[in-house]
Amino acid sequence: MHLSGLENSVDILIDRAGVPHIYARSTPDLLFAQGYVQAP
């Protein structure tokens, strides 16, 4: 994923149960991606 607001790229994988797994290099990027995934 590449969005403005991210320092580095973030990988978001959705498993078969629909659970997102977020892989980021920094805590701020992780939290930004978590908010993106949870937004309606």
N, C-alpha and C. Protein backbone atom coordinates (compact mmCIF):
# COMPACT_ATOMS: atom_id res chain seq x y z
N MET A 1 0.85 -1.16 0.00
CA MET A 1 0.00 0.00 0.00
C MET A 1 0.90 1.22 0.00
N HIS A 2 0.56 2.19 -0.82
CA HIS A 2 1.27 3.46 -0.85
C HIS A 2 0.23 4.56 -0.75
N LEU A 3 0.24 5.28 0.35
CA LEU A 3 -0.67 6.41 0.56
C LEU A 3 0.12 7.59 1.08
N SER A 4 -0.34 8.81 0.79
CA SER A 4 0.31 9.95 1.42
C SER A 4 0.04 9.86 2.91
N GLY A 5 1.03 10.15 3.71
CA GLY A 5 0.92 9.99 5.15
C GLY A 5 1.74 8.83 5.66
N LEU A 6 2.15 7.93 4.76
CA LEU A 6 3.00 6.81 5.14
C LEU A 6 4.46 7.16 4.86
N GLU A 7 5.35 6.76 5.77
CA GLU A 7 6.78 6.97 5.57
C GLU A 7 7.36 5.87 4.67
N ASN A 8 6.88 4.65 4.82
CA ASN A 8 7.34 3.49 4.07
C ASN A 8 6.13 2.71 3.56
N SER A 9 6.39 1.75 2.70
CA SER A 9 5.28 0.93 2.22
C SER A 9 4.80 0.01 3.34
N VAL A 10 3.53 -0.34 3.28
CA VAL A 10 2.88 -1.20 4.27
C VAL A 10 2.18 -2.32 3.50
N ASP A 11 2.30 -3.54 4.00
CA ASP A 11 1.60 -4.68 3.40
C ASP A 11 0.42 -5.04 4.28
N ILE A 12 -0.75 -5.19 3.65
CA ILE A 12 -1.95 -5.62 4.35
C ILE A 12 -2.45 -6.88 3.66
N LEU A 13 -2.48 -7.96 4.40
CA LEU A 13 -2.97 -9.23 3.88
C LEU A 13 -4.24 -9.59 4.62
N ILE A 14 -5.26 -10.01 3.89
CA ILE A 14 -6.53 -10.43 4.48
C ILE A 14 -6.59 -11.95 4.40
N ASP A 15 -6.71 -12.61 5.56
CA ASP A 15 -6.74 -14.07 5.54
C ASP A 15 -8.14 -14.58 5.20
N ARG A 16 -8.29 -15.89 5.14
CA ARG A 16 -9.57 -16.50 4.74
C ARG A 16 -10.71 -16.17 5.67
N ALA A 17 -10.40 -15.86 6.92
CA ALA A 17 -11.42 -15.49 7.90
C ALA A 17 -11.76 -14.01 7.83
N GLY A 18 -11.10 -13.27 6.95
CA GLY A 18 -11.36 -11.85 6.80
C GLY A 18 -10.58 -10.98 7.78
N VAL A 19 -9.58 -11.56 8.43
CA VAL A 19 -8.78 -10.82 9.41
C VAL A 19 -7.60 -10.17 8.71
N PRO A 20 -7.46 -8.83 8.84
CA PRO A 20 -6.32 -8.17 8.21
C PRO A 20 -5.04 -8.37 9.03
N HIS A 21 -3.95 -8.63 8.34
CA HIS A 21 -2.63 -8.72 8.95
C HIS A 21 -1.79 -7.60 8.34
N ILE A 22 -1.34 -6.68 9.18
CA ILE A 22 -0.65 -5.49 8.72
C ILE A 22 0.84 -5.62 9.05
N TYR A 23 1.67 -5.41 8.05
CA TYR A 23 3.12 -5.47 8.20
C TYR A 23 3.69 -4.11 7.83
N ALA A 24 4.30 -3.45 8.82
CA ALA A 24 4.85 -2.11 8.61
C ALA A 24 6.22 -2.02 9.27
N ARG A 25 7.02 -1.08 8.81
CA ARG A 25 8.37 -0.89 9.36
C ARG A 25 8.39 0.04 10.56
N SER A 26 7.33 0.80 10.77
CA SER A 26 7.31 1.72 11.90
C SER A 26 5.93 1.71 12.56
N THR A 27 5.91 2.07 13.82
CA THR A 27 4.65 2.12 14.56
C THR A 27 3.69 3.15 13.96
N PRO A 28 4.16 4.37 13.61
CA PRO A 28 3.22 5.32 13.00
C PRO A 28 2.58 4.79 11.71
N ASP A 29 3.37 4.11 10.88
CA ASP A 29 2.82 3.53 9.64
C ASP A 29 1.83 2.42 9.96
N LEU A 30 2.12 1.61 10.97
CA LEU A 30 1.22 0.54 11.38
C LEU A 30 -0.11 1.11 11.83
N LEU A 31 -0.07 2.13 12.67
CA LEU A 31 -1.31 2.71 13.19
C LEU A 31 -2.10 3.42 12.09
N PHE A 32 -1.41 4.07 11.16
CA PHE A 32 -2.08 4.71 10.02
C PHE A 32 -2.81 3.66 9.19
N ALA A 33 -2.13 2.55 8.90
CA ALA A 33 -2.73 1.48 8.10
C ALA A 33 -3.89 0.83 8.84
N GLN A 34 -3.77 0.69 10.15
CA GLN A 34 -4.86 0.11 10.94
C GLN A 34 -6.10 0.99 10.84
N GLY A 35 -5.92 2.29 10.94
CA GLY A 35 -7.05 3.20 10.78
C GLY A 35 -7.66 3.11 9.40
N TYR A 36 -6.82 2.97 8.38
CA TYR A 36 -7.30 2.85 7.00
C TYR A 36 -8.14 1.58 6.84
N VAL A 37 -7.67 0.48 7.41
CA VAL A 37 -8.38 -0.81 7.30
C VAL A 37 -9.71 -0.76 8.03
N GLN A 38 -9.77 -0.10 9.17
CA GLN A 38 -10.97 -0.09 10.00
C GLN A 38 -11.99 0.98 9.60
N ALA A 39 -11.59 1.93 8.77
CA ALA A 39 -12.52 2.99 8.37
C ALA A 39 -13.66 2.41 7.54
N PRO A 40 -14.87 2.90 7.75
CA PRO A 40 -16.02 2.38 7.00
C PRO A 40 -16.00 2.72 5.54
